[in-house]
C-alpha atoms as a PDB file:
ATOM      1  CA  UNK A   1      12.227  11.587  27.424  1.00  0.00           C
ATOM      2  CA  UNK A   2       9.096   8.559  28.766  1.00  0.00           C
ATOM      3  CA  UNK A   3       9.668   7.878  24.391  1.00  0.00           C
ATOM      4  CA  UNK A   4      13.601   7.976  24.207  1.00  0.00           C
ATOM      5  CA  UNK A   5      14.333   6.053  26.920  1.00  0.00           C
ATOM      6  CA  UNK A   6      12.035   3.886  25.167  1.00  0.00           C
ATOM      7  CA  UNK A   7      13.231   4.039  23.151  1.00  0.00           C
ATOM      8  CA  UNK A   8      16.661   3.169  24.128  1.00  0.00           C
ATOM      9  CA  UNK A   9      15.191   0.132  25.732  1.00  0.00           C
ATOM     10  CA  UNK A  10      17.390  -3.517  25.348  1.00  0.00           C
ATOM     11  CA  UNK A  11      14.867  -5.104  22.566  1.00  0.00           C
ATOM     12  CA  UNK A  12      16.683  -8.212  22.801  1.00  0.00           C
ATOM     13  CA  UNK A  13      14.283 -10.176  24.490  1.00  0.00           C
ATOM     14  CA  UNK A  14      11.129  -8.937  22.238  1.00  0.00           C
ATOM     15  CA  UNK A  15      12.947 -10.509  19.462  1.00  0.00           C
ATOM     16  CA  UNK A  16      13.263 -13.416  21.925  1.00  0.00           C
ATOM     17  CA  UNK A  17      10.131 -13.993  21.791  1.00  0.00           C
ATOM     18  CA  UNK A  18       9.435 -13.393  18.595  1.00  0.00           C
ATOM     19  CA  UNK A  19      11.201 -16.325  17.219  1.00  0.00           C
ATOM     20  CA  UNK A  20      10.860 -18.657  19.505  1.00  0.00           C
ATOM     21  CA  UNK A  21      10.255 -21.247  16.149  1.00  0.00           C
ATOM     22  CA  UNK A  22       6.986 -23.027  15.830  1.00  0.00           C
ATOM     23  CA  UNK A  23       5.715 -23.824  18.200  1.00  0.00           C
ATOM     24  CA  UNK A  24       7.269 -21.022  21.172  1.00  0.00           C
ATOM     25  CA  UNK A  25       6.767 -17.549  19.172  1.00  0.00           C
ATOM     26  CA  UNK A  26       5.068 -15.364  20.654  1.00  0.00           C
ATOM     27  CA  UNK A  27       2.846 -12.572  19.571  1.00  0.00           C
ATOM     28  CA  UNK A  28       3.921  -9.472  20.811  1.00  0.00           C
ATOM     29  CA  UNK A  29       1.247  -6.089  22.150  1.00  0.00           C
ATOM     30  CA  UNK A  30       0.492  -2.874  19.447  1.00  0.00           C
ATOM     31  CA  UNK A  31       3.208  -1.187  22.076  1.00  0.00           C
ATOM     32  CA  UNK A  32       5.865  -3.271  22.207  1.00  0.00           C
ATOM     33  CA  UNK A  33       5.372  -3.497  17.951  1.00  0.00           C
ATOM     34  CA  UNK A  34       5.637  -0.289  17.581  1.00  0.00           C
ATOM     35  CA  UNK A  35       8.318   0.375  20.398  1.00  0.00           C
ATOM     36  CA  UNK A  36      10.713  -2.569  19.347  1.00  0.00           C
ATOM     37  CA  UNK A  37       9.676  -0.891  15.583  1.00  0.00           C
ATOM     38  CA  UNK A  38      10.832   3.079  16.456  1.00  0.00           C
ATOM     39  CA  UNK A  39      14.130   1.018  18.158  1.00  0.00           C
ATOM     40  CA  UNK A  40      15.026  -0.142  14.330  1.00  0.00           C
ATOM     41  CA  UNK A  41      13.240   2.947  12.094  1.00  0.00           C
ATOM     42  CA  UNK A  42      16.598   4.798  13.974  1.00  0.00           C
ATOM     43  CA  UNK A  43      19.577   5.305  11.310  1.00  0.00           C
ATOM     44  CA  UNK A  44      22.465   3.649  13.880  1.00  0.00           C
ATOM     45  CA  UNK A  45      20.090   0.412  15.080  1.00  0.00           C
ATOM     46  CA  UNK A  46      22.432  -2.974  14.931  1.00  0.00           C
ATOM     47  CA  UNK A  47      21.353  -4.585  11.985  1.00  0.00           C
ATOM     48  CA  UNK A  48      21.793  -7.684  13.302  1.00  0.00           C
ATOM     49  CA  UNK A  49      18.953  -7.196  15.632  1.00  0.00           C
ATOM     50  CA  UNK A  50      16.863  -5.964  12.556  1.00  0.00           C
ATOM     51  CA  UNK A  51      17.320  -8.688  10.770  1.00  0.00           C
ATOM     52  CA  UNK A  52      16.850 -11.129  13.039  1.00  0.00           C
ATOM     53  CA  UNK A  53      13.916  -8.633  13.935  1.00  0.00           C
ATOM     54  CA  UNK A  54      12.546  -9.089  10.191  1.00  0.00           C
ATOM     55  CA  UNK A  55      13.545 -12.895   9.982  1.00  0.00           C
ATOM     56  CA  UNK A  56      11.715 -13.916  12.852  1.00  0.00           C
ATOM     57  CA  UNK A  57       7.639 -11.890  12.044  1.00  0.00           C
ATOM     58  CA  UNK A  58       8.681 -13.373   8.868  1.00  0.00           C
ATOM     59  CA  UNK A  59       8.561 -16.679   9.967  1.00  0.00           C
ATOM     60  CA  UNK A  60       5.694 -15.822  13.003  1.00  0.00           C
ATOM     61  CA  UNK A  61       3.619 -14.026  10.860  1.00  0.00           C
ATOM     62  CA  UNK A  62       2.586 -11.178  11.570  1.00  0.00           C
ATOM     63  CA  UNK A  63      -0.929  -9.940  13.778  1.00  0.00           C
ATOM     64  CA  UNK A  64      -3.157  -6.786  13.437  1.00  0.00           C
ATOM     65  CA  UNK A  65      -1.909  -5.835  16.453  1.00  0.00           C
ATOM     66  CA  UNK A  66       1.538  -5.497  15.424  1.00  0.00           C
ATOM     67  CA  UNK A  67       1.067  -3.888  11.633  1.00  0.00           C
ATOM     68  CA  UNK A  68      -0.838  -0.914  13.924  1.00  0.00           C
ATOM     69  CA  UNK A  69       2.043  -0.679  15.986  1.00  0.00           C
ATOM     70  CA  UNK A  70       4.428  -0.308  12.918  1.00  0.00           C
ATOM     71  CA  UNK A  71       2.662   1.573  10.881  1.00  0.00           C
ATOM     72  CA  UNK A  72       2.354   3.821  13.393  1.00  0.00           C
ATOM     73  CA  UNK A  73       6.488   3.804  14.995  1.00  0.00           C
ATOM     74  CA  UNK A  74       6.497   4.200  10.493  1.00  0.00           C
ATOM     75  CA  UNK A  75       4.451   7.341  10.912  1.00  0.00           C
ATOM     76  CA  UNK A  76       6.355   8.875  12.600  1.00  0.00           C
ATOM     77  CA  UNK A  77       9.297   8.993  10.522  1.00  0.00           C
ATOM     78  CA  UNK A  78       7.493  11.208   7.978  1.00  0.00           C
ATOM     79  CA  UNK A  79       8.564  14.917   8.543  1.00  0.00           C
ATOM     80  CA  UNK A  80       5.217  16.853   8.316  1.00  0.00           C
ATOM     81  CA  UNK A  81       2.788  13.249   9.517  1.00  0.00           C
ATOM     82  CA  UNK A  82       0.274  14.581  11.017  1.00  0.00           C
ATOM     83  CA  UNK A  83       1.070  18.045   9.691  1.00  0.00           C
ATOM     84  CA  UNK A  84      -0.582  17.967   6.255  1.00  0.00           C
ATOM     85  CA  UNK A  85      -3.742  16.437   5.587  1.00  0.00           C
ATOM     86  CA  UNK A  86      -5.128  15.436   1.559  1.00  0.00           C
ATOM     87  CA  UNK A  87      -8.075  17.537   1.134  1.00  0.00           C
ATOM     88  CA  UNK A  88     -12.009  15.647   1.673  1.00  0.00           C
ATOM     89  CA  UNK A  89     -13.164  12.556  -0.237  1.00  0.00           C
ATOM     90  CA  UNK A  90      -8.714  12.183  -1.225  1.00  0.00           C
ATOM     91  CA  UNK A  91      -8.270   8.437  -2.634  1.00  0.00           C
ATOM     92  CA  UNK A  92      -4.423   6.617  -0.956  1.00  0.00           C
ATOM     93  CA  UNK A  93      -2.538   3.939  -3.247  1.00  0.00           C
ATOM     94  CA  UNK A  94       0.062   2.320  -2.159  1.00  0.00           C
ATOM     95  CA  UNK A  95       1.562   0.614  -5.052  1.00  0.00           C
ATOM     96  CA  UNK A  96       4.945  -1.303  -4.493  1.00  0.00           C
ATOM     97  CA  UNK A  97       4.479  -4.053  -6.685  1.00  0.00           C
ATOM     98  CA  UNK A  98       5.163  -2.848 -10.122  1.00  0.00           C
ATOM     99  CA  UNK A  99       3.873  -5.111 -13.291  1.00  0.00           C
ATOM    100  CA  UNK A 100       4.983  -7.502 -16.035  1.00  0.00           C
ATOM    101  CA  UNK A 101       2.130  -9.426 -17.631  1.00  0.00           C
ATOM    102  CA  UNK A 102      -0.245  -6.664 -18.518  1.00  0.00           C
ATOM    103  CA  UNK A 103      -0.618  -2.367 -18.610  1.00  0.00           C
ATOM    104  CA  UNK A 104      -1.472  -0.257 -15.786  1.00  0.00           C
ATOM    105  CA  UNK A 105      -5.334  -0.054 -15.687  1.00  0.00           C
ATOM    106  CA  UNK A 106      -5.772   1.002 -11.474  1.00  0.00           C
ATOM    107  CA  UNK A 107      -3.373   4.376 -12.694  1.00  0.00           C
ATOM    108  CA  UNK A 108      -5.037   4.748 -16.082  1.00  0.00           C
ATOM    109  CA  UNK A 109      -8.599   4.712 -13.870  1.00  0.00           C
ATOM    110  CA  UNK A 110      -6.947   7.468 -11.178  1.00  0.00           C
ATOM    111  CA  UNK A 111      -6.987  10.096 -14.256  1.00  0.00           C
ATOM    112  CA  UNK A 112      -9.323   9.679 -14.789  1.00  0.00           C
ATOM    113  CA  UNK A 113     -11.057  10.275 -11.196  1.00  0.00           C
ATOM    114  CA  UNK A 114      -8.707  12.668 -10.054  1.00  0.00           C
ATOM    115  CA  UNK A 115     -10.334  14.372 -13.555  1.00  0.00           C
ATOM    116  CA  UNK A 116     -14.126  14.054 -11.830  1.00  0.00           C
ATOM    117  CA  UNK A 117     -12.838  15.623  -8.806  1.00  0.00           C
ATOM    118  CA  UNK A 118     -11.037  12.441  -6.725  1.00  0.00           C
ATOM    119  CA  UNK A 119      -7.430  14.296  -4.920  1.00  0.00           C
ATOM    120  CA  UNK A 120      -5.544  10.784  -5.516  1.00  0.00           C
ATOM    121  CA  UNK A 121      -1.887  10.372  -2.793  1.00  0.00           C
ATOM    122  CA  UNK A 122      -0.324   7.582  -4.939  1.00  0.00           C
ATOM    123  CA  UNK A 123       3.307   6.131  -3.101  1.00  0.00           C
ATOM    124  CA  UNK A 124       5.298   3.590  -3.925  1.00  0.00           C
ATOM    125  CA  UNK A 125       9.333   3.162  -5.033  1.00  0.00           C
ATOM    126  CA  UNK A 126      10.662   4.473  -7.999  1.00  0.00           C
ATOM    127  CA  UNK A 127      12.168   1.033  -9.109  1.00  0.00           C
ATOM    128  CA  UNK A 128      11.893  -2.639  -9.329  1.00  0.00           C
ATOM    129  CA  UNK A 129      13.760  -4.545 -10.300  1.00  0.00           C
ATOM    130  CA  UNK A 130      12.399  -6.637 -13.532  1.00  0.00           C
ATOM    131  CA  UNK A 131       8.919  -4.875 -13.468  1.00  0.00           C
ATOM    132  CA  UNK A 132       7.521  -1.238 -14.909  1.00  0.00           C
ATOM    133  CA  UNK A 133       6.211   1.115 -11.010  1.00  0.00           C
ATOM    134  CA  UNK A 134       3.354   3.174 -11.627  1.00  0.00           C
ATOM    135  CA  UNK A 135       6.154   6.458 -11.265  1.00  0.00           C
ATOM    136  CA  UNK A 136       7.166   5.199 -14.020  1.00  0.00           C
ATOM    137  CA  UNK A 137       4.277   5.285 -15.841  1.00  0.00           C
ATOM    138  CA  UNK A 138       2.436   8.338 -13.978  1.00  0.00           C
ATOM    139  CA  UNK A 139       5.590  10.321 -14.546  1.00  0.00           C
ATOM    140  CA  UNK A 140       5.535   9.003 -18.627  1.00  0.00           C
ATOM    141  CA  UNK A 141       2.221  10.882 -17.962  1.00  0.00           C
ATOM    142  CA  UNK A 142       3.342  13.893 -16.410  1.00  0.00           C
ATOM    143  CA  UNK A 143       2.087  13.555 -12.343  1.00  0.00           C
ATOM    144  CA  UNK A 144       4.056  15.513 -10.776  1.00  0.00           C
ATOM    145  CA  UNK A 145       6.354  13.726  -8.092  1.00  0.00           C
ATOM    146  CA  UNK A 146       6.400  16.145  -4.314  1.00  0.00           C
ATOM    147  CA  UNK A 147       9.781  16.316  -2.343  1.00  0.00           C
ATOM    148  CA  UNK A 148       8.496  16.081   0.835  1.00  0.00           C
ATOM    149  CA  UNK A 149       4.533  15.975   2.288  1.00  0.00           C
ATOM    150  CA  UNK A 150       4.832  20.325   2.192  1.00  0.00           C
ATOM    151  CA  UNK A 151       5.225  20.143  -1.753  1.00  0.00           C
ATOM    152  CA  UNK A 152       2.671  16.376  -2.329  1.00  0.00           C
ATOM    153  CA  UNK A 153      -0.731  18.766   0.002  1.00  0.00           C
ATOM    154  CA  UNK A 154       0.501  22.081  -2.927  1.00  0.00           C
ATOM    155  CA  UNK A 155       1.356  19.498  -5.775  1.00  0.00           C
ATOM    156  CA  UNK A 156      -2.632  17.952  -4.722  1.00  0.00           C
ATOM    157  CA  UNK A 157      -4.389  21.306  -4.463  1.00  0.00           C
ATOM    158  CA  UNK A 158      -2.628  22.427  -7.709  1.00  0.00           C
ATOM    159  CA  UNK A 159      -3.971  19.167  -9.880  1.00  0.00           C
ATOM    160  CA  UNK A 160      -5.851  16.678  -7.994  1.00  0.00           C
ATOM    161  CA  UNK A 161      -2.769  13.946  -7.756  1.00  0.00           C
ATOM    162  CA  UNK A 162       0.352  13.717  -6.546  1.00  0.00           C
ATOM    163  CA  UNK A 163       3.082  10.842  -5.898  1.00  0.00           C
ATOM    164  CA  UNK A 164       5.049  10.544  -3.247  1.00  0.00           C
ATOM    165  CA  UNK A 165       8.155   9.029  -3.243  1.00  0.00           C
ATOM    166  CA  UNK A 166       8.971   6.760   0.402  1.00  0.00           C
ATOM    167  CA  UNK A 167      12.072   7.082  -0.134  1.00  0.00           C
ATOM    168  CA  UNK A 168      11.657  11.079   0.955  1.00  0.00           C
ATOM    169  CA  UNK A 169       8.490  10.119   3.254  1.00  0.00           C
ATOM    170  CA  UNK A 170      10.281   7.582   5.525  1.00  0.00           C
ATOM    171  CA  UNK A 171      14.114   7.220   3.743  1.00  0.00           C
ATOM    172  CA  UNK A 172      14.219   4.935   7.397  1.00  0.00           C
ATOM    173  CA  UNK A 173      11.760   3.332   5.873  1.00  0.00           C
ATOM    174  CA  UNK A 174      13.035   2.695   2.608  1.00  0.00           C
ATOM    175  CA  UNK A 175      16.487   2.275   4.537  1.00  0.00           C
ATOM    176  CA  UNK A 176      14.043  -1.724   5.904  1.00  0.00           C
ATOM    177  CA  UNK A 177      12.743  -1.722   2.978  1.00  0.00           C
ATOM    178  CA  UNK A 178      15.096  -2.457   0.368  1.00  0.00           C
ATOM    179  CA  UNK A 179      16.578  -4.957   2.715  1.00  0.00           C
ATOM    180  CA  UNK A 180      14.819  -7.934   1.157  1.00  0.00           C
ATOM    181  CA  UNK A 181      18.041  -8.398  -2.214  1.00  0.00           C
ATOM    182  CA  UNK A 182      19.802  -8.793   0.978  1.00  0.00           C
ATOM    183  CA  UNK A 183      17.075 -10.884   3.026  1.00  0.00           C
ATOM    184  CA  UNK A 184      15.911 -12.622   0.156  1.00  0.00           C
ATOM    185  CA  UNK A 185      12.108 -12.569   1.353  1.00  0.00           C
ATOM    186  CA  UNK A 186      10.292 -10.745   1.702  1.00  0.00           C
ATOM    187  CA  UNK A 187       9.462  -8.020   5.559  1.00  0.00           C
ATOM    188  CA  UNK A 188       6.739  -6.254   7.081  1.00  0.00           C
ATOM    189  CA  UNK A 189       8.392  -3.594   5.958  1.00  0.00           C
ATOM    190  CA  UNK A 190       6.388  -3.027   2.271  1.00  0.00           C
ATOM    191  CA  UNK A 191       3.214  -4.644   4.170  1.00  0.00           C
ATOM    192  CA  UNK A 192       3.829  -0.831   6.522  1.00  0.00           C
ATOM    193  CA  UNK A 193       3.947   0.751   3.728  1.00  0.00           C
ATOM    194  CA  UNK A 194       1.261   0.301   2.085  1.00  0.00           C
ATOM    195  CA  UNK A 195      -0.231   1.059   5.239  1.00  0.00           C
ATOM    196  CA  UNK A 196       0.734   4.642   6.158  1.00  0.00           C
ATOM    197  CA  UNK A 197      -1.491   6.377   5.218  1.00  0.00           C
ATOM    198  CA  UNK A 198       0.995   9.122   4.874  1.00  0.00           C
ATOM    199  CA  UNK A 199      -0.612  12.717   4.363  1.00  0.00           C
ATOM    200  CA  UNK A 200      -4.710  10.892   6.208  1.00  0.00           C
ATOM    201  CA  UNK A 201      -6.846  10.922   2.818  1.00  0.00           C
ATOM    202  CA  UNK A 202     -10.186   9.285   4.277  1.00  0.00           C
ATOM    203  CA  UNK A 203     -10.053   6.487   2.362  1.00  0.00           C
ATOM    204  CA  UNK A 204      -7.938   3.460   0.623  1.00  0.00           C
ATOM    205  CA  UNK A 205      -7.263   1.320  -2.013  1.00  0.00           C
ATOM    206  CA  UNK A 206      -5.046  -1.832  -0.764  1.00  0.00           C
ATOM    207  CA  UNK A 207      -4.071  -4.361  -3.115  1.00  0.00           C
ATOM    208  CA  UNK A 208      -1.558  -7.016  -1.838  1.00  0.00           C
ATOM    209  CA  UNK A 209      -0.359 -10.862  -3.532  1.00  0.00           C
ATOM    210  CA  UNK A 210      -1.143 -12.280  -0.642  1.00  0.00           C
ATOM    211  CA  UNK A 211      -4.121 -13.553   0.428  1.00  0.00           C
ATOM    212  CA  UNK A 212      -4.257 -14.521   4.035  1.00  0.00           C
ATOM    213  CA  UNK A 213      -3.119 -10.449   4.904  1.00  0.00           C
ATOM    214  CA  UNK A 214      -6.406  -9.372   3.891  1.00  0.00           C
ATOM    215  CA  UNK A 215      -7.627  -9.172   7.360  1.00  0.00           C
ATOM    216  CA  UNK A 216      -5.217  -9.029   9.004  1.00  0.00           C
ATOM    217  CA  UNK A 217      -4.431  -5.607   6.903  1.00  0.00           C
ATOM    218  CA  UNK A 218      -7.903  -4.825   6.862  1.00  0.00           C
ATOM    219  CA  UNK A 219      -8.139  -4.630  10.693  1.00  0.00           C
ATOM    220  CA  UNK A 220      -4.263  -3.401  10.938  1.00  0.00           C
ATOM    221  CA  UNK A 221      -6.845  -0.704   9.294  1.00  0.00           C
ATOM    222  CA  UNK A 222      -9.238  -0.245  11.775  1.00  0.00           C
ATOM    223  CA  UNK A 223      -6.600  -0.036  15.044  1.00  0.00           C
ATOM    224  CA  UNK A 224      -5.481   2.508  12.516  1.00  0.00           C
ATOM    225  CA  UNK A 225      -8.177   4.597  13.093  1.00  0.00           C
ATOM    226  CA  UNK A 226      -8.067   4.378   9.169  1.00  0.00           C
ATOM    227  CA  UNK A 227     -12.239   5.684   7.939  1.00  0.00           C
ATOM    228  CA  UNK A 228     -12.779   3.904   5.179  1.00  0.00           C
ATOM    229  CA  UNK A 229     -10.684   1.139   2.886  1.00  0.00           C
ATOM    230  CA  UNK A 230     -10.884  -2.196   0.750  1.00  0.00           C
ATOM    231  CA  UNK A 231      -8.104  -4.389   0.947  1.00  0.00           C
ATOM    232  CA  UNK A 232      -7.503  -6.546  -2.116  1.00  0.00           C
ATOM    233  CA  UNK A 233      -6.149  -9.973  -4.317  1.00  0.00           C
ATOM    234  CA  UNK A 234      -4.922  -7.278  -6.801  1.00  0.00           C
ATOM    235  CA  UNK A 235      -3.348  -8.004 -10.501  1.00  0.00           C
ATOM    236  CA  UNK A 236       0.564  -8.506  -9.657  1.00  0.00           C
ATOM    237  CA  UNK A 237      -0.095  -7.481  -6.403  1.00  0.00           C
ATOM    238  CA  UNK A 238      -0.756  -3.831  -7.086  1.00  0.00           C
ATOM    239  CA  UNK A 239      -3.969  -2.327  -6.095  1.00  0.00           C
ATOM    240  CA  UNK A 240      -6.096  -3.074  -9.124  1.00  0.00           C
ATOM    241  CA  UNK A 241      -9.491  -5.262  -9.384  1.00  0.00           C
ATOM    242  CA  UNK A 242      -9.788  -8.034 -11.331  1.00  0.00           C
ATOM    243  CA  UNK A 243     -12.155  -7.453 -13.717  1.00  0.00           C
ATOM    244  CA  UNK A 244     -13.311 -11.394 -13.257  1.00  0.00           C
ATOM    245  CA  UNK A 245     -12.802 -13.825 -10.949  1.00  0.00           C
ATOM    246  CA  UNK A 246     -12.078 -11.448  -7.688  1.00  0.00           C
ATOM    247  CA  UNK A 247     -10.652 -14.533  -5.781  1.00  0.00           C
ATOM    248  CA  UNK A 248     -10.783 -11.524  -2.371  1.00  0.00           C
ATOM    249  CA  UNK A 249     -11.778  -7.986  -1.582  1.00  0.00           C
ATOM    250  CA  UNK A 250     -11.944  -7.107   2.258  1.00  0.00           C
ATOM    251  CA  UNK A 251     -14.452  -3.787   2.951  1.00  0.00           C
ATOM    252  CA  UNK A 252     -13.241  -1.457   6.037  1.00  0.00           C
ATOM    253  CA  UNK A 253     -15.393   1.383   7.523  1.00  0.00           C
ATOM    254  CA  UNK A 254     -15.050   2.160  10.744  1.00  0.00           C
ATOM    255  CA  UNK A 255     -14.827  -0.407  12.743  1.00  0.00           C
ATOM    256  CA  UNK A 256     -16.727  -2.566  10.402  1.00  0.00           C
ATOM    257  CA  UNK A 257     -14.590  -5.467   7.951  1.00  0.00           C
ATOM    258  CA  UNK A 258     -17.433  -7.050   5.522  1.00  0.00           C
ATOM    259  CA  UNK A 259     -16.328  -8.835   2.075  1.00  0.00           C
ATOM    260  CA  UNK A 260     -17.679  -7.813  -1.055  1.00  0.00           C
ATOM    261  CA  UNK A 261     -18.439  -9.376  -4.837  1.00  0.00           C
ATOM    262  CA  UNK A 262     -19.549  -8.195  -7.697  1.00  0.00           C
ATOM    263  CA  UNK A 263     -20.543 -10.126 -11.180  1.00  0.00           C
ATOM    264  CA  UNK A 264     -18.122 -10.651 -13.867  1.00  0.00           C
ATOM    265  CA  UNK A 265     -17.703  -8.843 -16.962  1.00  0.00           C
ATOM    266  CA  UNK A 266     -17.132 -11.186 -18.966  1.00  0.00           C
ATOM    267  CA  UNK A 267     -14.259 -10.332 -20.973  1.00  0.00           C
ATOM    268  CA  UNK A 268     -10.390 -11.945 -21.022  1.00  0.00           C
ATOM    269  CA  UNK A 269      -8.969 -12.810 -18.001  1.00  0.00           C
ATOM    270  CA  UNK A 270      -5.552 -11.265 -16.717  1.00  0.00           C
ATOM    271  CA  UNK A 271      -2.314 -12.287 -18.846  1.00  0.00           C
ATOM    272  CA  UNK A 272      -0.550 -15.294 -17.596  1.00  0.00           C
ATOM    273  CA  UNK A 273       2.492 -14.490 -19.888  1.00  0.00           C
ATOM    274  CA  UNK A 274       5.138 -12.090 -19.216  1.00  0.00           C
ATOM    275  CA  UNK A 275       5.467  -8.733 -21.210  1.00  0.00           C
ATOM    276  CA  UNK A 276       8.377  -7.671 -23.238  1.00  0.00           C
ATOM    277  CA  UNK A 277       9.480  -4.545 -20.897  1.00  0.00           C
ATOM    278  CA  UNK A 278       9.010  -2.130 -24.441  1.00  0.00           C
ATOM    279  CA  UNK A 279       6.253  -3.505 -25.946  1.00  0.00           C
ATOM    280  CA  UNK A 280       4.714  -3.001 -21.774  1.00  0.00           C
ATOM    281  CA  UNK A 281       5.823   1.008 -21.619  1.00  0.00           C
ATOM    282  CA  UNK A 282       4.310   0.372 -25.130  1.00  0.00           C
ATOM    283  CA  UNK A 283       0.983   0.172 -23.853  1.00  0.00           C
ATOM    284  CA  UNK A 284       1.228   2.268 -21.777  1.00  0.00           C
ATOM    285  CA  UNK A 285       1.406   4.860 -23.109  1.00  0.00           C
ATOM    286  CA  UNK A 286      -1.960   3.132 -25.801  1.00  0.00           C
ATOM    287  CA  UNK A 287      -3.222   3.346 -22.451  1.00  0.00           C
ATOM    288  CA  UNK A 288      -3.295   6.568 -20.857  1.00  0.00           C
ATOM    289  CA  UNK A 289      -4.752   8.237 -24.131  1.00  0.00           C
ATOM    290  CA  UNK A 290      -7.648   6.680 -23.216  1.00  0.00           C
ATOM    291  CA  UNK A 291      -7.305   3.173 -26.053  1.00  0.00           C
ATOM    292  CA  UNK A 292      -8.372  -0.346 -24.162  1.00  0.00           C
ATOM    293  CA  UNK A 293      -9.663  -2.805 -25.367  1.00  0.00           C
ATOM    294  CA  UNK A 294     -12.284  -4.390 -23.548  1.00  0.00           C
ATOM    295  CA  UNK A 295     -10.642  -6.463 -20.279  1.00  0.00           C
ATOM    296  CA  UNK A 296      -8.525  -2.576 -19.380  1.00  0.00           C
ATOM    297  CA  UNK A 297     -12.229  -0.661 -20.202  1.00  0.00           C
ATOM    298  CA  UNK A 298     -13.839  -3.758 -18.382  1.00  0.00           C
ATOM    299  CA  UNK A 299     -10.847  -2.872 -14.837  1.00  0.00           C
ATOM    300  CA  UNK A 300     -11.272   0.936 -15.407  1.00  0.00           C
ATOM    301  CA  UNK A 301     -14.828   1.093 -14.845  1.00  0.00           C
ATOM    302  CA  UNK A 302     -14.158  -1.592 -12.006  1.00  0.00           C
ATOM    303  CA  UNK A 303     -11.603   0.603 -10.408  1.00  0.00           C
ATOM    304  CA  UNK A 304     -13.884   3.772 -11.029  1.00  0.00           C
ATOM    305  CA  UNK A 305     -16.467   2.619  -8.764  1.00  0.00           C
ATOM    306  CA  UNK A 306     -14.162   0.856  -6.018  1.00  0.00           C
ATOM    307  CA  UNK A 307     -12.355   5.101  -6.142  1.00  0.00           C
ATOM    308  CA  UNK A 308     -15.793   6.393  -5.998  1.00  0.00           C
ATOM    309  CA  UNK A 309     -15.691   4.336  -3.208  1.00  0.00           C
ATOM    310  CA  UNK A 310     -13.405   5.092  -1.440  1.00  0.00           C
ATOM    311  CA  UNK A 311     -14.024   9.094  -1.704  1.00  0.00           C
ATOM    312  CA  UNK A 312     -17.406   9.210  -0.629  1.00  0.00           C
ATOM    313  CA  UNK A 313     -18.792   6.173   0.858  1.00  0.00           C
ATOM    314  CA  UNK A 314     -21.910   5.102  -0.896  1.00  0.00           C
ATOM    315  CA  UNK A 315     -21.454   1.469  -2.332  1.00  0.00           C
ATOM    316  CA  UNK A 316     -21.515   0.570  -5.807  1.00  0.00           C
ATOM    317  CA  UNK A 317     -24.775  -0.826  -7.708  1.00  0.00           C
ATOM    318  CA  UNK A 318     -24.012  -3.972  -8.138  1.00  0.00           C
ATOM    319  CA  UNK A 319     -21.859  -5.391  -6.133  1.00  0.00           C
ATOM    320  CA  UNK A 320     -22.560  -8.102  -3.691  1.00  0.00           C
ATOM    321  CA  UNK A 321     -21.668  -7.451   0.118  1.00  0.00           C
ATOM    322  CA  UNK A 322     -21.109 -10.612   2.567  1.00  0.00           C
END
């Protein structure tokens, strides 16, 4: 009953606090953020309030506490959350960016890790305009897509890898995530989806595009009780480490956060030019068959080390903690 009273509260005073502009806006605390997002996630929410809050947060910037509150609210919309858990050593792999410049080497590494006994939970969105998504790659590789967490649990037990789409995980969060074309900019719903960890995996590999979010997201994982995660500047925003010139890796383990670095592999840089979509899909087929170039091999090796750490917590040899 108390929760219903909170959800039915007028949230306009909270919107006013975050929408006062560069010098007047205020951050919400974790409980306030959770309560506001509970209200906005409802299917009958006031769309004017939703749009105002999303843009105000975009202008202000989210704190770790706000992100943690938003994630907690979103998890309440996931049917079966805290009921269906991934097995020990499982790795959460959120894929919400898609690719256009090179193949998904991180998925080749995920398929390898799965064979080596690491359970992998992939979640994302089926379609991203002008990009090849993780699901399009995994579908071609024969990975099964779950209709919900119960289905995902059964598939994971049988195959050691599963894909769950945000549209099935949380239709309410997906609805807000999908507002980007109308808003003109990304909202914090994208970050919330990446932090969702729907099956409570022990480890998480979380790529991002904008480096300032690394610390916020890692600290939010601390607040959410995530066991361990790597949050890093990923290739095209996906959870793929670079073989050379990796800009930023934040390691989160329990309540501890640190910077991570590793030596360069001495291979070609990540491509700058967009690939023809047909050629990209053809290259993905070759990659999944094990036909990789020198750079892709180096990335798969690097990602294999990351998957092993996320699964078992054993720090890779040659990585340096700062």
